């Protein structure tokens, strides 16, 4: 919603049907003359959809003009599939009448309910409808693809949206980079003997649309010029003048495999600038022959079946669709897009999570081996060339 409204927003719940009652009168009493709002509807088929308007509800008694209004779907059948339906005839953006709940478009494209809807014990049976394509662009969607064929809803919420205006937008893909401003090298050790393994992980700040790693910094990182614990500064580019700069890096200092970490639940809303930056970095990686892997995290948030049984991850059509999408974005083979589950609420290690993680680590190490074998081939080619020169 932040991305669609171009703001760093504060959300305050003005109306909730399960709390306040599903009544048009109550909706207007609580939401009129408050400012921009977003209406979110949760139905019993696990679809989440709604509409946004930048003008206040006011029981006006007719249509209101709002060129910034849009409809949307967030989830379809429990799977994150966000889509925005922009307004195409702003004169009929919302229908603001005291006996109507949140209503968008002429006809109407989205009408939540009219009058008062009684609670049925587990859901509200709404008397409204969803029919995009009149005032709002259908964008390839239909009533069924938005509602998943159900007008029974578990709840309706209306949030007041206020722009904080004091910080840039915090996209899900930006959170890691805000925490991680340092370049770190982590030595992996045997948990029993404490001896280091022949494996080291390098962690760096994430990618942001307007900040984050620049191409020069990325090249220095790939080539092993950056020292451990190097502190990134968004306003100062990386140069050979930095403290600890490794002027003559050895093979062990260089990166042998690059791993992109992408939140699987936000693939469809990644900004174009971030995607362009990733592709730009890939050019430098490809020039150096460095293989690339994608860790597709939070896979249990993408597919409900996977969240219940992680062993289904390689059989899930939803996961496969997400893998295909990332493969197309980055131009990498699907075998290089590896779905994993994050440790979030678990207190103790879980075998099914560890197995998936170890399979991923094995693929990363195999890719690093490929880099090393290519390096050996280059050495052999160099020796042959030297022999030819002597001859």
Protein backbone atom coordinates (compact mmCIF):
# COMPACT_ATOMS: atom_id res chain seq x y z
CA UNK A 1 0.00 0.00 0.00
CA UNK A 2 2.92 2.31 0.71
CA UNK A 3 4.25 1.66 -2.78
CA UNK A 4 0.88 2.29 -4.42
CA UNK A 5 0.25 5.52 -2.50
CA UNK A 6 3.84 6.79 -2.79
CA UNK A 7 4.14 7.52 0.90
CA UNK A 8 5.63 6.53 4.23
CA UNK A 9 2.29 6.00 5.88
CA UNK A 10 0.71 5.62 9.29
CA UNK A 11 -2.42 3.43 9.31
CA UNK A 12 -5.20 3.92 11.87
CA UNK A 13 -8.19 1.54 11.90
CA UNK A 14 -11.37 3.65 11.84
CA UNK A 15 -13.91 0.90 11.16
CA UNK A 16 -13.88 -2.86 11.66
CA UNK A 17 -17.06 -4.80 10.94
CA UNK A 18 -16.44 -7.52 13.55
CA UNK A 19 -15.83 -4.85 16.17
CA UNK A 20 -18.25 -2.06 15.18
CA UNK A 21 -20.98 -3.93 13.31
CA UNK A 22 -21.44 -4.13 9.54
CA UNK A 23 -23.67 -1.09 9.10
CA UNK A 24 -23.49 1.71 6.52
CA UNK A 25 -24.53 4.23 9.19
CA UNK A 26 -21.75 3.12 11.52
CA UNK A 27 -19.23 3.17 8.68
CA UNK A 28 -20.06 6.80 7.85
CA UNK A 29 -20.17 7.86 11.52
CA UNK A 30 -16.66 6.54 12.03
CA UNK A 31 -15.08 7.35 8.65
CA UNK A 32 -16.65 10.55 7.31
CA UNK A 33 -14.47 13.67 7.00
CA UNK A 34 -11.33 11.88 8.19
CA UNK A 35 -9.13 12.00 5.07
CA UNK A 36 -7.67 9.35 2.71
CA UNK A 37 -8.71 5.79 3.53
CA UNK A 38 -8.16 2.26 2.36
CA UNK A 39 -10.94 -0.34 2.62
CA UNK A 40 -9.79 -3.96 3.02
CA UNK A 41 -12.14 -6.93 2.69
CA UNK A 42 -11.22 -10.44 3.88
CA UNK A 43 -13.48 -13.16 2.51
CA UNK A 44 -13.97 -16.78 3.55
CA UNK A 45 -12.09 -18.06 0.47
CA UNK A 46 -8.92 -16.39 1.76
CA UNK A 47 -8.97 -13.56 -0.76
CA UNK A 48 -8.09 -10.03 0.38
CA UNK A 49 -9.12 -7.05 -1.74
CA UNK A 50 -10.50 -3.53 -1.50
CA UNK A 51 -10.17 0.08 -2.60
CA UNK A 52 -8.31 3.29 -1.84
CA UNK A 53 -9.57 6.87 -2.05
CA UNK A 54 -7.64 10.04 -1.31
CA UNK A 55 -10.84 12.04 -0.64
CA UNK A 56 -12.83 11.84 2.59
CA UNK A 57 -16.08 9.93 2.85
CA UNK A 58 -18.84 12.41 3.77
CA UNK A 59 -22.31 10.96 3.03
CA UNK A 60 -22.31 13.30 0.03
CA UNK A 61 -25.23 11.63 -1.73
CA UNK A 62 -23.57 11.05 -5.08
CA UNK A 63 -20.35 10.34 -6.98
CA UNK A 64 -17.03 11.94 -6.01
CA UNK A 65 -14.05 12.70 -8.25
CA UNK A 66 -10.69 11.21 -7.21
CA UNK A 67 -7.97 10.74 -9.81
CA UNK A 68 -5.77 8.95 -7.24
CA UNK A 69 -8.30 6.24 -6.32
CA UNK A 70 -7.68 2.59 -7.15
CA UNK A 71 -8.96 -0.89 -6.43
CA UNK A 72 -6.67 -3.76 -5.55
CA UNK A 73 -6.26 -7.41 -4.65
CA UNK A 74 -3.62 -8.49 -2.17
CA UNK A 75 -4.29 -12.21 -1.70
CA UNK A 76 -6.03 -14.79 -3.88
CA UNK A 77 -6.97 -18.07 -2.23
CA UNK A 78 -4.44 -17.41 0.53
CA UNK A 79 -1.57 -16.67 -1.87
CA UNK A 80 0.01 -13.25 -2.14
CA UNK A 81 -0.91 -12.00 -5.64
CA UNK A 82 -1.07 -8.21 -5.45
CA UNK A 83 -2.62 -6.35 -8.36
CA UNK A 84 -3.68 -2.71 -8.66
CA UNK A 85 -6.71 -1.58 -10.68
CA UNK A 86 -6.30 2.17 -11.36
CA UNK A 87 -9.24 4.51 -11.92
CA UNK A 88 -9.94 5.30 -15.60
CA UNK A 89 -12.93 7.63 -15.13
CA UNK A 90 -12.23 9.69 -12.02
CA UNK A 91 -15.62 11.46 -12.10
CA UNK A 92 -17.20 8.30 -10.67
CA UNK A 93 -14.36 7.20 -8.38
CA UNK A 94 -16.47 6.63 -5.26
CA UNK A 95 -20.21 6.56 -4.58
CA UNK A 96 -20.62 8.43 -1.29
CA UNK A 97 -24.13 7.84 0.03
CA UNK A 98 -25.21 7.44 3.67
CA UNK A 99 -27.01 4.10 3.15
CA UNK A 100 -24.02 2.58 1.33
CA UNK A 101 -20.89 1.14 2.81
CA UNK A 102 -17.56 1.69 0.94
CA UNK A 103 -18.53 1.86 -2.74
CA UNK A 104 -16.23 2.49 -5.70
CA UNK A 105 -17.11 3.25 -9.33
CA UNK A 106 -20.23 3.57 -11.43
CA UNK A 107 -22.31 0.46 -11.60
CA UNK A 108 -20.45 -0.39 -9.18
CA UNK A 109 -16.92 -1.73 -9.67
CA UNK A 110 -16.79 -2.54 -5.96
CA UNK A 111 -19.72 -2.22 -3.58
CA UNK A 112 -19.05 -3.64 -0.13
CA UNK A 113 -22.62 -3.58 1.24
CA UNK A 114 -25.72 -1.47 1.74
CA UNK A 115 -27.79 -1.01 4.89
CA UNK A 116 -26.95 -3.36 7.76
CA UNK A 117 -25.53 -6.87 7.42
CA UNK A 118 -26.05 -9.29 10.31
CA UNK A 119 -23.21 -11.42 11.63
CA UNK A 120 -23.84 -15.03 10.63
CA UNK A 121 -21.68 -16.56 13.35
CA UNK A 122 -18.58 -17.06 11.21
CA UNK A 123 -19.03 -14.52 8.38
CA UNK A 124 -21.03 -11.61 6.96
CA UNK A 125 -23.08 -12.41 3.85
CA UNK A 126 -22.57 -9.17 1.90
CA UNK A 127 -25.19 -7.80 -0.48
CA UNK A 128 -22.67 -5.86 -2.59
CA UNK A 129 -20.67 -6.95 -5.61
CA UNK A 130 -17.30 -6.75 -7.37
CA UNK A 131 -17.27 -6.03 -11.09
CA UNK A 132 -14.12 -4.22 -12.28
CA UNK A 133 -13.85 -2.69 -15.74
CA UNK A 134 -16.31 0.22 -15.74
CA UNK A 135 -14.76 3.07 -13.75
CA UNK A 136 -11.60 1.16 -12.86
CA UNK A 137 -9.31 -0.76 -15.19
CA UNK A 138 -9.93 -4.50 -14.91
CA UNK A 139 -6.23 -5.11 -15.62
CA UNK A 140 -7.05 -8.63 -16.76
CA UNK A 141 -8.99 -9.43 -13.57
CA UNK A 142 -12.60 -10.58 -13.14
CA UNK A 143 -15.02 -10.74 -10.24
CA UNK A 144 -14.02 -14.35 -9.55
CA UNK A 145 -10.28 -13.66 -9.72
CA UNK A 146 -10.71 -10.87 -7.16
CA UNK A 147 -13.17 -12.52 -4.74
CA UNK A 148 -12.39 -16.17 -5.51
CA UNK A 149 -16.12 -16.65 -5.98
CA UNK A 150 -17.27 -15.71 -2.48
CA UNK A 151 -19.29 -12.79 -1.12
CA UNK A 152 -19.03 -14.14 2.41
CA UNK A 153 -16.49 -12.12 4.35
CA UNK A 154 -14.73 -12.63 7.66
CA UNK A 155 -14.15 -8.91 8.15
CA UNK A 156 -14.08 -5.46 6.57
CA UNK A 157 -11.64 -2.81 7.75
CA UNK A 158 -11.26 0.85 6.84
CA UNK A 159 -7.95 2.52 7.67
CA UNK A 160 -7.13 6.21 7.79
CA UNK A 161 -3.87 6.78 5.88
CA UNK A 162 -1.58 9.57 7.06
CA UNK A 163 1.76 10.33 5.44
CA UNK A 164 4.46 10.49 8.11
CA UNK A 165 6.61 12.52 5.74
CA UNK A 166 9.74 12.06 7.84
CA UNK A 167 11.44 9.07 6.24
CA UNK A 168 11.71 7.28 2.90
CA UNK A 169 9.38 4.43 2.11
CA UNK A 170 10.34 1.21 3.88
CA UNK A 171 9.78 -1.55 1.35
CA UNK A 172 10.10 -5.15 2.59
CA UNK A 173 13.26 -5.59 0.49
CA UNK A 174 14.85 -2.54 2.18
CA UNK A 175 14.63 -3.66 5.81
CA UNK A 176 17.71 -5.87 5.68
CA UNK A 177 19.87 -3.14 4.20
CA UNK A 178 18.83 -0.68 6.91
CA UNK A 179 20.09 -3.03 9.59
CA UNK A 180 23.16 -4.15 7.74
CA UNK A 181 25.42 -1.20 6.91
CA UNK A 182 28.65 -3.16 7.27
CA UNK A 183 30.40 -5.62 5.02
CA UNK A 184 31.00 -8.72 7.13
CA UNK A 185 32.95 -11.92 6.60
CA UNK A 186 31.72 -14.86 8.67
CA UNK A 187 33.95 -17.89 9.21
CA UNK A 188 31.89 -21.09 9.60
CA UNK A 189 33.21 -23.43 12.29
CA UNK A 190 32.69 -27.03 13.31
CA UNK A 191 30.38 -26.89 16.31
CA UNK A 192 32.29 -29.68 18.12
CA UNK A 193 35.96 -28.92 17.45
CA UNK A 194 35.59 -25.22 16.78
CA UNK A 195 37.86 -25.53 13.74
CA UNK A 196 36.97 -23.38 10.71
CA UNK A 197 35.49 -25.11 7.67
CA UNK A 198 36.58 -24.36 4.11
CA UNK A 199 33.60 -22.06 3.79
CA UNK A 200 33.14 -18.37 4.45
CA UNK A 201 30.02 -16.25 4.08
CA UNK A 202 30.27 -12.60 3.09
CA UNK A 203 27.29 -10.43 4.03
CA UNK A 204 26.69 -6.96 2.67
CA UNK A 205 24.01 -4.31 2.66
CA UNK A 206 20.94 -4.94 0.56
CA UNK A 207 19.68 -3.26 -2.57
CA UNK A 208 17.50 -0.16 -2.51
CA UNK A 209 15.89 1.77 -5.31
CA UNK A 210 17.80 5.00 -4.65
CA UNK A 211 20.56 4.01 -2.24
CA UNK A 212 22.50 0.88 -1.32
CA UNK A 213 25.43 -0.66 -3.17
CA UNK A 214 26.70 1.15 -6.29
CA UNK A 215 28.44 -0.56 -9.25
CA UNK A 216 31.94 0.55 -8.18
CA UNK A 217 31.39 -0.74 -4.65
CA UNK A 218 30.06 -4.01 -6.03
CA UNK A 219 33.13 -4.49 -8.24
CA UNK A 220 35.48 -3.83 -5.32
CA UNK A 221 33.52 -6.34 -3.25
CA UNK A 222 33.59 -9.02 -5.95
CA UNK A 223 37.32 -8.55 -6.49
CA UNK A 224 38.15 -8.84 -2.77
CA UNK A 225 39.25 -5.22 -2.24
CA UNK A 226 36.94 -4.45 0.70
CA UNK A 227 38.13 -5.18 4.24
CA UNK A 228 36.04 -7.01 6.82
CA UNK A 229 33.65 -4.72 8.74
CA UNK A 230 33.88 -2.00 6.12
CA UNK A 231 31.25 0.62 6.97
CA UNK A 232 29.14 1.71 4.00
CA UNK A 233 28.17 5.37 3.66
CA UNK A 234 25.35 6.05 1.16
CA UNK A 235 26.64 9.57 0.52
CA UNK A 236 30.30 8.61 -0.04
CA UNK A 237 31.32 6.29 -2.91
CA UNK A 238 33.79 3.45 -2.33
CA UNK A 239 37.32 4.32 -3.55
CA UNK A 240 40.83 2.84 -3.13
CA UNK A 241 41.45 5.58 -0.54
CA UNK A 242 39.28 3.91 2.12
CA UNK A 243 40.96 2.59 5.27
CA UNK A 244 41.99 -1.05 4.91
CA UNK A 245 41.53 -1.19 1.13
CA UNK A 246 43.05 -4.48 -0.15
CA UNK A 247 45.13 -3.36 -3.10
CA UNK A 248 46.35 -6.83 -4.15
CA UNK A 249 43.63 -9.34 -3.16
CA UNK A 250 44.36 -13.07 -3.26
CA UNK A 251 42.02 -15.72 -4.67
CA UNK A 252 40.72 -16.43 -1.15
CA UNK A 253 39.66 -12.78 -0.82
CA UNK A 254 37.46 -12.84 -3.91
CA UNK A 255 33.82 -13.82 -4.17
CA UNK A 256 33.28 -17.29 -5.67
CA UNK A 257 29.47 -17.31 -5.71
CA UNK A 258 26.93 -14.49 -5.33
CA UNK A 259 23.69 -15.18 -3.48
CA UNK A 260 20.72 -12.85 -3.93
CA UNK A 261 18.25 -13.05 -1.03
CA UNK A 262 14.71 -12.23 -2.18
CA UNK A 263 11.53 -12.28 -0.09
CA UNK A 264 9.29 -14.68 -1.98
CA UNK A 265 6.13 -12.94 -0.75
CA UNK A 266 7.13 -9.61 -2.37
CA UNK A 267 8.40 -10.74 -5.77
CA UNK A 268 5.48 -9.19 -7.66
CA UNK A 269 5.90 -5.77 -6.02
CA UNK A 270 9.66 -5.33 -6.35
CA UNK A 271 10.41 -1.84 -7.73
CA UNK A 272 11.72 -1.67 -11.28
CA UNK A 273 14.73 0.35 -10.05
CA UNK A 274 15.77 -2.49 -7.74
CA UNK A 275 15.40 -5.04 -10.55
CA UNK A 276 17.44 -2.84 -12.90
CA UNK A 277 20.16 -2.48 -10.28
CA UNK A 278 20.33 -6.26 -9.79
CA UNK A 279 20.64 -6.81 -13.54
CA UNK A 280 23.35 -4.17 -13.70
CA UNK A 281 25.32 -5.98 -11.00
CA UNK A 282 24.85 -9.25 -12.85
CA UNK A 283 26.79 -7.81 -15.80
CA UNK A 284 29.86 -7.39 -13.57
CA UNK A 285 29.38 -10.86 -12.09
CA UNK A 286 29.07 -12.46 -15.52
CA UNK A 287 32.21 -10.66 -16.72
CA UNK A 288 34.09 -12.31 -13.85
CA UNK A 289 32.47 -15.71 -14.40
CA UNK A 290 30.88 -15.65 -10.93
CA UNK A 291 27.84 -17.95 -10.60
CA UNK A 292 24.67 -16.59 -9.04
CA UNK A 293 22.09 -18.21 -6.77
CA UNK A 294 18.79 -16.81 -5.48
CA UNK A 295 17.50 -17.68 -2.02
CA UNK A 296 13.73 -17.35 -2.22
CA UNK A 297 12.86 -16.80 1.43
CA UNK A 298 9.57 -16.95 3.38
CA UNK A 299 8.32 -19.62 1.03
CA UNK A 300 5.79 -20.71 3.68
CA UNK A 301 4.16 -17.28 3.30
CA UNK A 302 3.79 -17.80 -0.44
CA UNK A 303 1.97 -21.15 -0.35
CA UNK A 304 -0.44 -22.25 2.35
CA UNK A 305 0.18 -25.95 1.66
CA UNK A 306 3.92 -25.42 2.10
CA UNK A 307 3.37 -23.66 5.43
CA UNK A 308 1.54 -26.76 6.67
CA UNK A 309 3.99 -29.27 5.19
CA UNK A 310 7.39 -27.98 4.06
CA UNK A 311 8.07 -31.21 2.17
CA UNK A 312 5.54 -29.98 -0.44
CA UNK A 313 7.78 -27.08 -1.46
CA UNK A 314 8.97 -28.80 -4.66
CA UNK A 315 5.44 -29.92 -5.59
CA UNK A 316 3.63 -26.62 -5.07
CA UNK A 317 2.39 -24.91 -8.29
CA UNK A 318 2.39 -21.58 -6.43
CA UNK A 319 6.04 -21.95 -5.41
CA UNK A 320 6.90 -23.06 -8.95
CA UNK A 321 5.18 -19.99 -10.35
CA UNK A 322 7.20 -17.74 -8.03
CA UNK A 323 10.43 -19.52 -9.00
CA UNK A 324 9.57 -19.06 -12.68
CA UNK A 325 8.92 -15.35 -12.12
CA UNK A 326 12.30 -14.78 -10.45
CA UNK A 327 14.00 -16.86 -13.14
CA UNK A 328 12.52 -14.59 -15.81
CA UNK A 329 13.44 -11.40 -13.93
CA UNK A 330 17.11 -12.28 -13.43
CA UNK A 331 17.65 -14.55 -16.43
CA UNK A 332 18.89 -17.41 -14.25
CA UNK A 333 18.05 -21.12 -14.60
CA UNK A 334 15.22 -22.28 -12.37
CA UNK A 335 17.66 -24.69 -10.70
CA UNK A 336 19.48 -21.60 -9.37
CA UNK A 337 16.31 -20.27 -7.65
CA UNK A 338 16.19 -22.04 -4.28
CA UNK A 339 13.14 -21.79 -2.00
CA UNK A 340 13.76 -21.82 1.76
CA UNK A 341 11.86 -21.19 4.97
CA UNK A 342 13.07 -18.63 7.48
CA UNK A 343 13.50 -19.35 11.16
CA UNK A 344 11.07 -16.85 12.73
CA UNK A 345 9.02 -18.12 15.67
CA UNK A 346 10.84 -21.46 16.19
CA UNK A 347 12.87 -21.73 19.37
CA UNK A 348 14.63 -25.02 18.56
CA UNK A 349 16.09 -26.16 15.21
CA UNK A 350 13.63 -28.06 13.02
CA UNK A 351 14.78 -30.95 10.82
CA UNK A 352 12.52 -30.08 7.87
CA UNK A 353 13.80 -26.48 7.86
CA UNK A 354 17.43 -27.57 8.21
CA UNK A 355 17.16 -30.10 5.38
CA UNK A 356 15.93 -27.45 2.97
CA UNK A 357 18.67 -25.06 4.11
CA UNK A 358 21.40 -27.70 3.73
CA UNK A 359 20.19 -28.59 0.24
CA UNK A 360 20.49 -24.90 -0.59
CA UNK A 361 23.98 -24.67 0.91
CA UNK A 362 25.06 -27.72 -1.10
CA UNK A 363 23.95 -26.03 -4.33
CA UNK A 364 25.83 -22.84 -3.39
CA UNK A 365 29.01 -24.83 -2.71
CA UNK A 366 28.61 -26.69 -6.01
CA UNK A 367 28.40 -23.34 -7.79
CA UNK A 368 31.51 -22.12 -5.95
CA UNK A 369 33.28 -25.30 -7.09
CA UNK A 370 32.35 -24.49 -10.68
CA UNK A 371 34.01 -21.10 -10.26
CA UNK A 372 37.18 -22.74 -8.89
CA UNK A 373 37.34 -25.29 -11.72
CA UNK A 374 36.99 -22.48 -14.26
CA UNK A 375 39.85 -20.70 -12.47
CA UNK A 376 42.00 -23.83 -12.77
CA UNK A 377 41.17 -23.99 -16.47
CA UNK A 378 42.38 -20.41 -16.85
CA UNK A 379 45.65 -21.32 -15.14
CA UNK A 380 46.11 -24.30 -17.46
CA UNK A 381 45.34 -22.12 -20.49
CA UNK A 382 47.95 -19.63 -19.26
CA UNK A 383 50.60 -22.34 -18.97
CA UNK A 384 49.87 -23.59 -22.48
CA UNK A 385 50.16 -20.06 -23.85
CA UNK A 386 53.50 -19.62 -22.07
CA UNK A 387 54.77 -22.88 -23.63
CA UNK A 388 53.68 -21.72 -27.07
CA UNK A 389 55.51 -18.43 -26.58
CA UNK A 390 58.72 -20.23 -25.57
CA UNK A 391 58.46 -22.56 -28.54
